PDB file of N, CA and C in Angstrom:
ATOM      1  N   UNK A   1      -4.964 -16.758   3.695  1.00  0.00           N
ATOM      2  CA  UNK A   1      -4.679 -15.829   3.071  1.00  0.00           C
ATOM      3  C   UNK A   1      -5.735 -15.295   1.954  1.00  0.00           C
ATOM      4  N   UNK A   2      -5.796 -13.906   1.674  1.00  0.00           N
ATOM      5  CA  UNK A   2      -6.509 -13.367   0.841  1.00  0.00           C
ATOM      6  C   UNK A   2      -5.664 -12.653  -0.032  1.00  0.00           C
ATOM      7  N   UNK A   3      -6.008 -12.736  -1.342  1.00  0.00           N
ATOM      8  CA  UNK A   3      -5.099 -12.191  -2.748  1.00  0.00           C
ATOM      9  C   UNK A   3      -6.061 -11.132  -2.858  1.00  0.00           C
ATOM     10  N   UNK A   4      -5.386  -9.567  -3.172  1.00  0.00           N
ATOM     11  CA  UNK A   4      -6.092  -8.569  -3.744  1.00  0.00           C
ATOM     12  C   UNK A   4      -5.872  -8.445  -5.396  1.00  0.00           C
ATOM     13  N   UNK A   5      -6.701  -7.735  -6.438  1.00  0.00           N
ATOM     14  CA  UNK A   5      -6.576  -6.844  -7.493  1.00  0.00           C
ATOM     15  C   UNK A   5      -6.296  -5.717  -7.367  1.00  0.00           C
ATOM     16  N   UNK A   6      -5.700  -5.076  -8.079  1.00  0.00           N
ATOM     17  CA  UNK A   6      -4.831  -3.776  -8.141  1.00  0.00           C
ATOM     18  C   UNK A   6      -6.286  -2.899  -7.929  1.00  0.00           C
ATOM     19  N   UNK A   7      -7.545  -3.065  -8.355  1.00  0.00           N
ATOM     20  CA  UNK A   7      -8.556  -1.952  -7.830  1.00  0.00           C
ATOM     21  C   UNK A   7      -8.621  -1.992  -6.492  1.00  0.00           C
ATOM     22  N   UNK A   8      -8.696  -3.343  -5.931  1.00  0.00           N
ATOM     23  CA  UNK A   8      -9.008  -3.497  -4.279  1.00  0.00           C
ATOM     24  C   UNK A   8      -7.653  -3.049  -3.381  1.00  0.00           C
ATOM     25  N   UNK A   9      -6.224  -2.658  -4.027  1.00  0.00           N
ATOM     26  CA  UNK A   9      -5.099  -2.263  -3.618  1.00  0.00           C
ATOM     27  C   UNK A   9      -5.005  -0.800  -3.475  1.00  0.00           C
ATOM     28  N   UNK A  10      -5.634  -0.212  -4.842  1.00  0.00           N
ATOM     29  CA  UNK A  10      -5.769   1.564  -5.076  1.00  0.00           C
ATOM     30  C   UNK A  10      -6.714   1.951  -3.772  1.00  0.00           C
ATOM     31  N   UNK A  11      -7.745   0.962  -3.803  1.00  0.00           N
ATOM     32  CA  UNK A  11      -8.836   1.657  -2.630  1.00  0.00           C
ATOM     33  C   UNK A  11      -8.168   1.693  -1.274  1.00  0.00           C
ATOM     34  N   UNK A  12      -7.442   0.575  -1.104  1.00  0.00           N
ATOM     35  CA  UNK A  12      -7.104   0.227   0.557  1.00  0.00           C
ATOM     36  C   UNK A  12      -5.905   1.456   0.663  1.00  0.00           C
ATOM     37  N   UNK A  13      -4.859   1.789  -0.456  1.00  0.00           N
ATOM     38  CA  UNK A  13      -3.917   2.395  -0.277  1.00  0.00           C
ATOM     39  C   UNK A  13      -4.210   3.994  -0.654  1.00  0.00           C
ATOM     40  N   UNK A  14      -5.263   3.972  -1.425  1.00  0.00           N
ATOM     41  CA  UNK A  14      -5.757   5.370  -1.603  1.00  0.00           C
ATOM     42  C   UNK A  14      -4.504   5.943  -2.838  1.00  0.00           C
ATOM     43  N   UNK A  15      -4.074   5.328  -3.523  1.00  0.00           N
ATOM     44  CA  UNK A  15      -2.932   5.429  -4.574  1.00  0.00           C
ATOM     45  C   UNK A  15      -3.818   5.166  -5.835  1.00  0.00           C
ATOM     46  N   UNK A  16      -3.167   5.597  -7.290  1.00  0.00           N
ATOM     47  CA  UNK A  16      -3.626   5.377  -8.479  1.00  0.00           C
ATOM     48  C   UNK A  16      -2.698   4.153  -8.640  1.00  0.00           C
ATOM     49  N   UNK A  17      -3.101   3.435  -9.703  1.00  0.00           N
ATOM     50  CA  UNK A  17      -2.210   2.300 -10.390  1.00  0.00           C
ATOM     51  C   UNK A  17      -0.896   2.816 -10.506  1.00  0.00           C
ATOM     52  N   UNK A  18      -0.489   3.696 -11.470  1.00  0.00           N
ATOM     53  CA  UNK A  18       0.361   4.266 -11.945  1.00  0.00           C
ATOM     54  C   UNK A  18       1.490   4.463 -10.688  1.00  0.00           C
ATOM     55  N   UNK A  19       0.758   5.055  -9.975  1.00  0.00           N
ATOM     56  CA  UNK A  19       1.777   5.468  -9.057  1.00  0.00           C
ATOM     57  C   UNK A  19       1.925   4.374  -8.048  1.00  0.00           C
ATOM     58  N   UNK A  20       1.277   3.066  -7.903  1.00  0.00           N
ATOM     59  CA  UNK A  20       1.373   1.857  -7.061  1.00  0.00           C
ATOM     60  C   UNK A  20       2.522   1.403  -7.999  1.00  0.00           C
ATOM     61  N   UNK A  21       2.536   1.152  -9.156  1.00  0.00           N
ATOM     62  CA  UNK A  21       3.381   0.677 -10.212  1.00  0.00           C
ATOM     63  C   UNK A  21       4.809   1.446 -10.150  1.00  0.00           C
ATOM     64  N   UNK A  22       4.540   2.483 -10.176  1.00  0.00           N
ATOM     65  CA  UNK A  22       6.051   3.426 -10.066  1.00  0.00           C
ATOM     66  C   UNK A  22       6.663   3.058  -8.514  1.00  0.00           C
ATOM     67  N   UNK A  23       6.079   3.312  -7.348  1.00  0.00           N
ATOM     68  CA  UNK A  23       6.792   2.797  -6.160  1.00  0.00           C
ATOM     69  C   UNK A  23       7.113   1.386  -6.096  1.00  0.00           C
ATOM     70  N   UNK A  24       6.447   0.700  -7.007  1.00  0.00           N
ATOM     71  CA  UNK A  24       7.390  -1.091  -7.057  1.00  0.00           C
ATOM     72  C   UNK A  24       8.320  -1.178  -7.554  1.00  0.00           C
ATOM     73  N   UNK A  25       8.680  -0.230  -8.766  1.00  0.00           N
ATOM     74  CA  UNK A  25       9.911   0.005  -9.238  1.00  0.00           C
ATOM     75  C   UNK A  25      10.798   0.474  -8.392  1.00  0.00           C
ATOM     76  N   UNK A  26      10.429   1.393  -7.730  1.00  0.00           N
ATOM     77  CA  UNK A  26      11.370   1.950  -6.566  1.00  0.00           C
ATOM     78  C   UNK A  26      11.857   1.057  -5.307  1.00  0.00           C
ATOM     79  N   UNK A  27      10.810   0.189  -5.325  1.00  0.00           N
ATOM     80  CA  UNK A  27      11.286  -0.866  -4.031  1.00  0.00           C
ATOM     81  C   UNK A  27      10.724  -0.155  -2.797  1.00  0.00           C
ATOM     82  N   UNK A  28       9.555   0.688  -3.265  1.00  0.00           N
ATOM     83  CA  UNK A  28       9.041   1.072  -1.746  1.00  0.00           C
ATOM     84  C   UNK A  28       7.667   0.769  -1.415  1.00  0.00           C
ATOM     85  N   UNK A  29       6.905  -0.202  -2.652  1.00  0.00           N
ATOM     86  CA  UNK A  29       5.889  -0.911  -2.318  1.00  0.00           C
ATOM     87  C   UNK A  29       5.996  -2.360  -2.635  1.00  0.00           C
ATOM     88  N   UNK A  30       5.077  -3.126  -1.751  1.00  0.00           N
ATOM     89  CA  UNK A  30       5.311  -4.748  -2.540  1.00  0.00           C
ATOM     90  C   UNK A  30       4.905  -5.110  -3.860  1.00  0.00           C
ATOM     91  N   UNK A  31       5.643  -5.954  -4.154  1.00  0.00           N
ATOM     92  CA  UNK A  31       5.689  -6.545  -5.482  1.00  0.00           C
ATOM     93  C   UNK A  31       4.371  -7.341  -5.568  1.00  0.00           C
ATOM     94  N   UNK A  32       3.713  -7.338  -6.732  1.00  0.00           N
ATOM     95  CA  UNK A  32       2.817  -8.769  -6.900  1.00  0.00           C
ATOM     96  C   UNK A  32       3.226  -9.977  -6.990  1.00  0.00           C
ATOM     97  N   UNK A  33       2.152 -10.810  -6.532  1.00  0.00           N
ATOM     98  CA  UNK A  33       2.492 -11.967  -7.402  1.00  0.00           C
ATOM     99  C   UNK A  33       1.540 -12.016  -8.846  1.00  0.00           C
ATOM    100  N   UNK A  34       2.596 -12.990  -9.674  1.00  0.00           N
ATOM    101  CA  UNK A  34       1.684 -12.847 -11.097  1.00  0.00           C
ATOM    102  C   UNK A  34       1.681 -14.339 -11.011  1.00  0.00           C
ATOM    103  N   UNK A  35       0.172 -14.726 -11.672  1.00  0.00           N
ATOM    104  CA  UNK A  35      -0.559 -15.621 -11.675  1.00  0.00           C
ATOM    105  C   UNK A  35      -1.595 -15.787 -12.635  1.00  0.00           C
ATOM    106  N   UNK A  36      -1.695 -16.523 -13.661  1.00  0.00           N
ATOM    107  CA  UNK A  36      -2.473 -16.910 -14.642  1.00  0.00           C
ATOM    108  C   UNK A  36      -2.454 -15.254 -15.343  1.00  0.00           C
ATOM    109  N   UNK A  37      -1.644 -14.601 -15.605  1.00  0.00           N
ATOM    110  CA  UNK A  37      -1.613 -13.384 -16.158  1.00  0.00           C
ATOM    111  C   UNK A  37      -1.871 -12.569 -15.708  1.00  0.00           C
ATOM    112  N   UNK A  38      -2.476 -12.440 -14.502  1.00  0.00           N
ATOM    113  CA  UNK A  38      -2.898 -11.424 -13.496  1.00  0.00           C
ATOM    114  C   UNK A  38      -1.433 -11.353 -12.433  1.00  0.00           C
ATOM    115  N   UNK A  39      -1.900  -9.928 -12.131  1.00  0.00           N
ATOM    116  CA  UNK A  39      -1.343  -9.533 -10.636  1.00  0.00           C
ATOM    117  C   UNK A  39      -1.984  -9.278  -9.559  1.00  0.00           C
ATOM    118  N   UNK A  40      -1.592 -10.126  -8.531  1.00  0.00           N
ATOM    119  CA  UNK A  40      -2.314 -10.180  -7.495  1.00  0.00           C
ATOM    120  C   UNK A  40      -1.305 -10.108  -5.994  1.00  0.00           C
ATOM    121  N   UNK A  41      -2.274  -9.201  -4.792  1.00  0.00           N
ATOM    122  CA  UNK A  41      -1.395  -9.257  -3.939  1.00  0.00           C
ATOM    123  C   UNK A  41      -1.625  -9.708  -2.551  1.00  0.00           C
ATOM    124  N   UNK A  42      -0.738 -10.048  -1.886  1.00  0.00           N
ATOM    125  CA  UNK A  42      -1.174 -10.406  -0.580  1.00  0.00           C
ATOM    126  C   UNK A  42      -1.869  -9.491   0.201  1.00  0.00           C
ATOM    127  N   UNK A  43      -3.118  -9.321   0.872  1.00  0.00           N
ATOM    128  CA  UNK A  43      -3.538  -8.690   1.834  1.00  0.00           C
ATOM    129  C   UNK A  43      -2.643  -8.492   3.011  1.00  0.00           C
ATOM    130  N   UNK A  44      -2.024  -9.288   3.546  1.00  0.00           N
ATOM    131  CA  UNK A  44      -0.993  -8.992   4.779  1.00  0.00           C
ATOM    132  C   UNK A  44       0.116  -8.401   4.527  1.00  0.00           C
ATOM    133  N   UNK A  45       0.785  -8.391   2.927  1.00  0.00           N
ATOM    134  CA  UNK A  45       1.655  -7.289   2.878  1.00  0.00           C
ATOM    135  C   UNK A  45       1.150  -6.362   2.696  1.00  0.00           C
ATOM    136  N   UNK A  46       0.112  -5.776   2.256  1.00  0.00           N
ATOM    137  CA  UNK A  46      -0.593  -4.718   2.103  1.00  0.00           C
ATOM    138  C   UNK A  46      -0.609  -3.917   3.360  1.00  0.00           C
ATOM    139  N   UNK A  47      -1.570  -4.658   4.368  1.00  0.00           N
ATOM    140  CA  UNK A  47      -1.689  -4.316   5.790  1.00  0.00           C
ATOM    141  C   UNK A  47      -0.443  -4.065   6.288  1.00  0.00           C
ATOM    142  N   UNK A  48       0.610  -4.762   6.232  1.00  0.00           N
ATOM    143  CA  UNK A  48       1.824  -4.659   6.420  1.00  0.00           C
ATOM    144  C   UNK A  48       2.652  -3.264   6.254  1.00  0.00           C
ATOM    145  N   UNK A  49       2.159  -3.013   4.894  1.00  0.00           N
ATOM    146  CA  UNK A  49       2.924  -1.692   4.444  1.00  0.00           C
ATOM    147  C   UNK A  49       2.358  -0.298   5.181  1.00  0.00           C
ATOM    148  N   UNK A  50       0.767  -0.607   5.053  1.00  0.00           N
ATOM    149  CA  UNK A  50       0.126   0.574   5.215  1.00  0.00           C
ATOM    150  C   UNK A  50       0.689   0.734   7.023  1.00  0.00           C
ATOM    151  N   UNK A  51       0.675  -0.345   7.740  1.00  0.00           N
ATOM    152  CA  UNK A  51       1.175  -0.287   9.099  1.00  0.00           C
ATOM    153  C   UNK A  51       2.630   0.494   9.484  1.00  0.00           C
ATOM    154  N   UNK A  52       3.323   0.086   8.036  1.00  0.00           N
ATOM    155  CA  UNK A  52       4.846   0.615   8.339  1.00  0.00           C
ATOM    156  C   UNK A  52       4.688   2.442   7.950  1.00  0.00           C
ATOM    157  N   UNK A  53       3.571   2.582   7.072  1.00  0.00           N
ATOM    158  CA  UNK A  53       3.545   4.075   6.939  1.00  0.00           C
ATOM    159  C   UNK A  53       2.999   4.603   7.889  1.00  0.00           C
ATOM    160  N   UNK A  54       2.155   4.131   8.780  1.00  0.00           N
ATOM    161  CA  UNK A  54       1.748   4.664  10.038  1.00  0.00           C
ATOM    162  C   UNK A  54       2.884   5.054  10.772  1.00  0.00           C
ATOM    163  N   UNK A  55       3.499   3.946  11.154  1.00  0.00           N
ATOM    164  CA  UNK A  55       4.526   4.181  12.081  1.00  0.00           C
ATOM    165  C   UNK A  55       6.043   4.819  11.783  1.00  0.00           C
ATOM    166  N   UNK A  56       6.062   5.127  10.847  1.00  0.00           N
ATOM    167  CA  UNK A  56       7.174   6.522  10.013  1.00  0.00           C
ATOM    168  C   UNK A  56       6.511   7.699  10.098  1.00  0.00           C
ATOM    169  N   UNK A  57       5.279   7.783  10.249  1.00  0.00           N
ATOM    170  CA  UNK A  57       4.771   9.296   9.933  1.00  0.00           C
ATOM    171  C   UNK A  57       5.165  10.037  11.341  1.00  0.00           C
ATOM    172  N   UNK A  58       5.488  11.504  10.806  1.00  0.00           N
ATOM    173  CA  UNK A  58       6.010  12.266  11.944  1.00  0.00           C
ATOM    174  C   UNK A  58       4.721  12.369  12.845  1.00  0.00           C
ATOM    175  N   UNK A  59       5.181  12.749  14.184  1.00  0.00           N
ATOM    176  CA  UNK A  59       4.052  12.944  15.441  1.00  0.00           C
ATOM    177  C   UNK A  59       3.692  14.313  15.012  1.00  0.00           C
ATOM    178  N   UNK A  60       2.228  14.515  15.233  1.00  0.00           N
ATOM    179  CA  UNK A  60       1.532  15.730  14.935  1.00  0.00           C
ATOM    180  C   UNK A  60       1.713  16.465  15.981  1.00  0.00           C
ATOM    181  N   UNK A  61       2.317  17.762  15.780  1.00  0.00           N
ATOM    182  CA  UNK A  61       2.445  18.666  17.009  1.00  0.00           C
ATOM    183  C   UNK A  61       1.116  18.914  17.726  1.00  0.00           C
ATOM    184  N   UNK A  62       1.131  19.140  19.152  1.00  0.00           N
ATOM    185  CA  UNK A  62      -0.021  19.199  19.858  1.00  0.00           C
ATOM    186  C   UNK A  62      -1.009  20.259  19.514  1.00  0.00           C
ATOM    187  N   UNK A  63      -2.222  20.464  19.420  1.00  0.00           N
ATOM    188  CA  UNK A  63      -3.309  21.731  19.010  1.00  0.00           C
ATOM    189  C   UNK A  63      -2.990  22.522  19.915  1.00  0.00           C
ATOM    190  N   UNK A  64      -3.271  23.674  19.948  1.00  0.00           N
ATOM    191  CA  UNK A  64      -3.984  24.565  21.183  1.00  0.00           C
ATOM    192  C   UNK A  64      -5.560  24.519  21.238  1.00  0.00           C
ATOM    193  N   UNK A  65      -5.652  24.465  22.513  1.00  0.00           N
ATOM    194  CA  UNK A  65      -7.438  24.641  22.819  1.00  0.00           C
ATOM    195  C   UNK A  65      -7.556  26.204  22.693  1.00  0.00           C
ATOM    196  N   UNK A  66      -8.361  26.290  21.795  1.00  0.00           N
ATOM    197  CA  UNK A  66      -9.037  27.888  21.806  1.00  0.00           C
ATOM    198  C   UNK A  66     -10.060  28.471  22.779  1.00  0.00           C
TER     199      UNK A  66
END
């Protein structure tokens, strides 16, 4: 089990810190674990969140060959 700090989470999901915390408030992003005054995310939860986003994205229309 690996724990991630906010800079690592931001890099993985390509979102800013304020966006991540806003999504946490909305319930659309995994909440952090609070440990010793810091926030940490389980790497497995971030990976699962990204997989969920991938599975929910609309299929791209086929491109025509020129």
